[in-house]
C-alpha cells in the first residue's frame, strides 16, 4: 500500500511539474496576450493542482492535509476568475486578439 501511495504521489508531482514547465515555455513562445494568459492559467490550475494533490496524498488526513485542500480550493476558484477578469479588462481596454487571418495578411506584405 505504501509503495502504491508513493507511486501515485510521484505521478501527480511529475505531472504537475510537466504542466508547469510546458506552460512556462508557452508563456515565452505564445504570440499575444490572450494566449499567454491561457498558458499562465494552465500553470495555476492544472500544474499547481496536481502538485497539491501529490502533496495531499503524502499528508493524509491531518491538519496539513486540510490546509492543502483549502489552498487547492482557493486556487481552483480564484485562478480562473482572475484570469477571466483580466481578459475582460484587456478586451474592454481595446486589446484585440491576434487572429490567424490577420497573421496571414501581415505576412504577405
Protein backbone atom coordinates (compact mmCIF):
# COMPACT_ATOMS: atom_id res chain seq x y z
CA UNK A 1 0.00 0.00 0.00
CA UNK A 2 2.81 2.39 0.86
CA UNK A 3 4.51 1.74 -2.50
CA UNK A 4 1.28 2.48 -4.41
CA UNK A 5 0.83 5.72 -2.47
CA UNK A 6 4.38 6.77 -3.26
CA UNK A 7 3.92 5.97 -6.96
CA UNK A 8 0.67 7.95 -7.10
CA UNK A 9 2.37 10.86 -5.34
CA UNK A 10 5.29 10.84 -7.75
CA UNK A 11 2.92 10.63 -10.72
CA UNK A 12 0.99 13.68 -9.52
CA UNK A 13 4.16 15.63 -8.76
CA UNK A 14 5.73 14.73 -12.11
CA UNK A 15 2.52 15.56 -13.98
CA UNK A 16 2.20 18.88 -12.19
CA UNK A 17 5.84 19.70 -12.85
CA UNK A 18 5.40 18.78 -16.52
CA UNK A 19 2.40 21.09 -16.91
CA UNK A 20 4.27 23.91 -15.14
CA UNK A 21 7.25 23.56 -17.48
CA UNK A 22 5.09 23.34 -20.62
CA UNK A 23 3.04 26.34 -19.54
CA UNK A 24 6.19 28.29 -18.70
CA UNK A 25 7.52 27.63 -22.20
CA UNK A 26 4.11 28.67 -23.53
CA UNK A 27 4.44 32.00 -21.74
CA UNK A 28 7.60 32.67 -23.71
CA UNK A 29 6.53 31.26 -27.08
CA UNK A 30 2.91 32.40 -27.46
CA UNK A 31 2.34 35.38 -29.77
CA UNK A 32 -0.17 37.58 -27.95
CA UNK A 33 -1.56 38.49 -24.55
CA UNK A 34 -4.58 36.19 -24.60
CA UNK A 35 -2.70 33.01 -25.48
CA UNK A 36 -0.02 33.84 -22.92
CA UNK A 37 -2.71 34.35 -20.34
CA UNK A 38 -4.14 30.93 -21.22
CA UNK A 39 -0.73 29.35 -20.65
CA UNK A 40 -0.45 31.12 -17.29
CA UNK A 41 -3.86 29.86 -16.22
CA UNK A 42 -2.74 26.30 -17.01
CA UNK A 43 0.19 26.69 -14.62
CA UNK A 44 -2.17 27.92 -11.97
CA UNK A 45 -4.96 25.41 -12.30
CA UNK A 46 -3.53 22.18 -13.66
CA UNK A 47 0.11 22.31 -12.62
CA UNK A 48 -0.42 23.60 -9.11
CA UNK A 49 -3.49 21.38 -8.67
CA UNK A 50 -1.57 18.21 -9.47
CA UNK A 51 1.32 19.23 -7.24
CA UNK A 52 -1.08 19.96 -4.37
CA UNK A 53 -2.78 16.60 -4.95
CA UNK A 54 0.58 14.83 -4.73
CA UNK A 55 1.37 16.66 -1.50
CA UNK A 56 -2.10 15.86 -0.16
CA UNK A 57 -1.56 12.15 -0.78
CA UNK A 58 1.53 12.26 1.40
CA UNK A 59 -0.06 14.46 4.11
CA UNK A 60 -3.11 12.27 4.60
CA UNK A 61 -5.96 13.23 6.95
CA UNK A 62 -4.04 15.75 9.05
CA UNK A 63 -4.12 19.47 9.65
CA UNK A 64 -1.58 19.88 6.86
CA UNK A 65 -3.91 17.99 4.52
CA UNK A 66 -6.78 20.31 5.44
CA UNK A 67 -4.58 23.33 4.70
CA UNK A 68 -3.61 21.87 1.33
CA UNK A 69 -7.29 21.34 0.49
CA UNK A 70 -8.02 24.98 1.38
CA UNK A 71 -5.16 26.19 -0.80
CA UNK A 72 -6.39 23.98 -3.63
CA UNK A 73 -9.93 25.34 -3.36
CA UNK A 74 -8.61 28.89 -3.36
CA UNK A 75 -6.57 28.24 -6.50
CA UNK A 76 -9.45 26.35 -8.13
CA UNK A 77 -11.94 29.20 -7.67
CA UNK A 78 -9.80 32.35 -7.65
CA UNK A 79 -7.44 31.47 -10.51
CA UNK A 80 -9.93 31.11 -13.37
CA UNK A 81 -11.96 34.04 -12.03
CA UNK A 82 -8.92 36.31 -12.01
CA UNK A 83 -7.91 35.14 -15.49
CA UNK A 84 -11.38 35.86 -16.82
CA UNK A 85 -11.43 39.32 -15.21
CA UNK A 86 -8.02 40.13 -16.67
CA UNK A 87 -9.07 39.03 -20.16
CA UNK A 88 -12.30 41.00 -19.93
CA UNK A 89 -10.43 44.12 -18.79
CA UNK A 90 -7.95 43.79 -21.66
CA UNK A 91 -10.78 43.39 -24.17
CA UNK A 92 -12.65 46.41 -22.79
CA UNK A 93 -9.41 48.42 -22.92
CA UNK A 94 -9.20 47.65 -26.64
CA UNK A 95 -6.54 44.96 -26.84
CA UNK A 96 -7.59 42.80 -29.77
CA UNK A 97 -6.65 39.13 -30.01
CA UNK A 98 -4.20 38.17 -32.72
CA UNK A 99 -6.15 36.04 -35.19
CA UNK A 100 -4.85 33.71 -37.89
CA UNK A 101 -6.44 35.76 -40.68
CA UNK A 102 -4.60 38.89 -39.54
CA UNK A 103 -1.37 36.94 -39.33
CA UNK A 104 -1.69 35.70 -42.93
CA UNK A 105 -2.38 39.21 -44.25
CA UNK A 106 0.57 40.76 -42.40
CA UNK A 107 2.99 38.04 -43.54
CA UNK A 108 2.13 38.59 -47.22
CA UNK A 109 3.14 42.28 -47.15
